């Protein structure tokens, strides 16, 4: 049996292929993931802030 997760070598991370025609360098892919993570964090904070405002308004009733 092979392990479920195998260690990735540095050479494997050099190129991230999204299509067979044009490979995209991994630093662009990592930057996209970073922006997606940032958008998720900002959205989550905004949702919790909105919930807190609604809760505060309901508490005043």
N, C-alpha and C. Protein backbone atom coordinates (compact mmCIF):
# COMPACT_ATOMS: atom_id res chain seq x y z
N UNK A 1 0.84 -1.19 0.00
CA UNK A 1 0.00 0.00 0.00
C UNK A 1 0.88 1.25 0.00
N UNK A 2 0.40 2.25 -0.70
CA UNK A 2 1.12 3.52 -0.71
C UNK A 2 0.51 4.43 0.36
N UNK A 3 1.28 5.37 0.88
CA UNK A 3 0.73 6.31 1.86
C UNK A 3 -0.35 7.18 1.20
N UNK A 4 -1.27 7.64 2.02
CA UNK A 4 -2.36 8.47 1.51
C UNK A 4 -1.81 9.77 0.94
N UNK A 5 -0.92 10.38 1.67
CA UNK A 5 -0.31 11.63 1.20
C UNK A 5 1.18 11.40 1.02
N UNK A 6 1.67 11.75 -0.15
CA UNK A 6 3.09 11.64 -0.40
C UNK A 6 3.72 13.02 -0.36
N UNK A 7 4.95 13.08 0.04
CA UNK A 7 5.66 14.35 0.10
C UNK A 7 5.88 14.89 -1.31
N UNK A 8 5.65 16.17 -1.49
CA UNK A 8 5.87 16.81 -2.79
C UNK A 8 7.30 17.32 -2.84
N UNK A 9 7.92 17.13 -3.98
CA UNK A 9 9.27 17.65 -4.17
C UNK A 9 9.17 19.07 -4.71
N UNK A 10 10.23 19.83 -4.56
CA UNK A 10 10.26 21.21 -5.03
C UNK A 10 9.97 21.29 -6.52
N UNK A 11 10.44 20.34 -7.32
CA UNK A 11 10.23 20.36 -8.76
C UNK A 11 8.74 20.23 -9.09
N UNK A 12 7.98 19.52 -8.26
CA UNK A 12 6.55 19.35 -8.50
C UNK A 12 5.81 20.66 -8.32
N UNK A 13 6.31 21.56 -7.50
CA UNK A 13 5.63 22.82 -7.21
C UNK A 13 6.00 23.93 -8.18
N UNK A 14 6.90 23.67 -9.12
CA UNK A 14 7.38 24.71 -10.02
C UNK A 14 6.30 25.16 -10.99
N UNK A 15 5.46 24.24 -11.45
CA UNK A 15 4.44 24.57 -12.44
C UNK A 15 3.12 23.94 -12.02
N UNK A 16 2.09 24.71 -12.09
CA UNK A 16 0.75 24.19 -11.80
C UNK A 16 -0.01 24.18 -13.12
N UNK A 17 -0.35 23.03 -13.59
CA UNK A 17 -1.00 22.92 -14.90
C UNK A 17 -2.50 23.01 -14.73
N UNK A 18 -3.11 24.02 -15.36
CA UNK A 18 -4.56 24.09 -15.38
C UNK A 18 -5.09 23.58 -16.70
N UNK A 19 -4.25 23.52 -17.69
CA UNK A 19 -4.61 22.93 -18.96
C UNK A 19 -3.36 22.33 -19.58
N UNK A 20 -3.55 21.43 -20.50
CA UNK A 20 -2.40 20.79 -21.15
C UNK A 20 -1.73 21.73 -22.13
N UNK A 21 -2.42 22.79 -22.53
CA UNK A 21 -1.87 23.68 -23.54
C UNK A 21 -0.95 24.72 -22.93
N UNK A 22 -1.37 25.34 -21.82
CA UNK A 22 -0.60 26.45 -21.26
C UNK A 22 -0.46 26.28 -19.76
N UNK A 23 0.70 25.85 -19.28
CA UNK A 23 0.89 25.75 -17.83
C UNK A 23 1.04 27.13 -17.21
N UNK A 24 0.56 27.28 -16.00
CA UNK A 24 0.65 28.55 -15.27
C UNK A 24 1.68 28.40 -14.16
N UNK A 25 2.63 29.33 -14.05
CA UNK A 25 3.62 29.23 -12.96
C UNK A 25 2.92 29.21 -11.60
N UNK A 26 3.50 28.50 -10.68
CA UNK A 26 2.85 28.29 -9.38
C UNK A 26 2.70 29.57 -8.57
N UNK A 27 3.58 30.57 -8.76
CA UNK A 27 3.45 31.78 -7.95
C UNK A 27 2.16 32.53 -8.27
N UNK A 28 1.65 32.44 -9.50
CA UNK A 28 0.36 33.05 -9.82
C UNK A 28 -0.77 32.30 -9.12
N UNK A 29 -0.66 30.98 -9.10
CA UNK A 29 -1.66 30.15 -8.45
C UNK A 29 -1.69 30.43 -6.96
N UNK A 30 -0.51 30.54 -6.34
CA UNK A 30 -0.42 30.83 -4.91
C UNK A 30 -0.99 32.21 -4.61
N UNK A 31 -0.73 33.18 -5.50
CA UNK A 31 -1.26 34.53 -5.29
C UNK A 31 -2.79 34.51 -5.37
N UNK A 32 -3.35 33.73 -6.30
CA UNK A 32 -4.79 33.63 -6.40
C UNK A 32 -5.38 33.02 -5.13
N UNK A 33 -4.72 31.99 -4.60
CA UNK A 33 -5.20 31.37 -3.37
C UNK A 33 -5.13 32.34 -2.21
N UNK A 34 -4.07 33.14 -2.16
CA UNK A 34 -3.92 34.13 -1.09
C UNK A 34 -5.04 35.17 -1.18
N UNK A 35 -5.36 35.62 -2.37
CA UNK A 35 -6.44 36.59 -2.53
C UNK A 35 -7.79 35.97 -2.17
N UNK A 36 -7.98 34.71 -2.50
CA UNK A 36 -9.23 34.03 -2.13
C UNK A 36 -9.34 33.90 -0.62
N UNK A 37 -8.22 33.59 0.03
CA UNK A 37 -8.22 33.50 1.50
C UNK A 37 -8.54 34.86 2.12
N UNK A 38 -7.94 35.90 1.58
CA UNK A 38 -8.18 37.25 2.09
C UNK A 38 -9.64 37.65 1.91
N UNK A 39 -10.20 37.34 0.75
CA UNK A 39 -11.61 37.65 0.50
C UNK A 39 -12.51 36.88 1.46
N UNK A 40 -12.17 35.63 1.75
CA UNK A 40 -12.97 34.83 2.69
C UNK A 40 -12.92 35.43 4.08
N UNK A 41 -11.75 35.85 4.53
CA UNK A 41 -11.61 36.42 5.87
C UNK A 41 -12.38 37.74 5.97
N UNK A 42 -12.25 38.58 4.97
CA UNK A 42 -12.96 39.87 4.98
C UNK A 42 -14.47 39.65 4.96
N UNK A 43 -14.94 38.72 4.15
CA UNK A 43 -16.37 38.42 4.09
C UNK A 43 -16.89 37.87 5.41
N UNK A 44 -16.09 36.99 6.03
CA UNK A 44 -16.50 36.42 7.32
C UNK A 44 -16.59 37.50 8.39
N UNK A 45 -15.64 38.40 8.44
CA UNK A 45 -15.67 39.49 9.41
C UNK A 45 -16.88 40.39 9.16
N UNK A 46 -17.18 40.67 7.89
CA UNK A 46 -18.32 41.52 7.56
C UNK A 46 -19.64 40.85 7.99
N UNK A 47 -19.74 39.56 7.78
CA UNK A 47 -20.97 38.84 8.17
C UNK A 47 -21.14 38.87 9.69
N UNK A 48 -20.06 38.61 10.42
CA UNK A 48 -20.17 38.65 11.89
C UNK A 48 -20.48 40.06 12.40
N UNK A 49 -19.93 41.09 11.75
CA UNK A 49 -20.25 42.46 12.14
C UNK A 49 -21.73 42.75 11.90
N UNK A 50 -22.25 42.27 10.77
CA UNK A 50 -23.67 42.47 10.48
C UNK A 50 -24.55 41.73 11.48
N UNK A 51 -24.17 40.52 11.83
CA UNK A 51 -24.93 39.76 12.83
C UNK A 51 -24.90 40.48 14.18
N UNK A 52 -23.76 41.05 14.55
CA UNK A 52 -23.65 41.78 15.82
C UNK A 52 -24.56 43.02 15.80
N UNK A 53 -24.60 43.73 14.68
CA UNK A 53 -25.47 44.90 14.60
C UNK A 53 -26.94 44.51 14.70
N UNK A 54 -27.32 43.43 14.05
CA UNK A 54 -28.71 42.97 14.13
C UNK A 54 -29.04 42.54 15.55
N UNK A 55 -28.13 41.83 16.21
CA UNK A 55 -28.36 41.40 17.57
C UNK A 55 -28.50 42.59 18.52
N UNK A 56 -27.68 43.61 18.30
CA UNK A 56 -27.76 44.80 19.14
C UNK A 56 -29.10 45.52 18.94
N UNK A 57 -29.55 45.56 17.67
CA UNK A 57 -30.84 46.20 17.38
C UNK A 57 -32.00 45.42 17.99
N UNK A 58 -31.93 44.11 17.94
CA UNK A 58 -32.97 43.29 18.53
C UNK A 58 -32.97 43.42 20.07
N UNK A 59 -31.79 43.54 20.65
CA UNK A 59 -31.71 43.65 22.10
C UNK A 59 -32.34 44.96 22.60
N UNK A 60 -32.32 46.00 21.76
CA UNK A 60 -32.92 47.28 22.16
C UNK A 60 -34.45 47.25 22.11
N UNK A 61 -35.00 46.26 21.42
CA UNK A 61 -36.47 46.20 21.36
C UNK A 61 -37.00 45.80 22.66
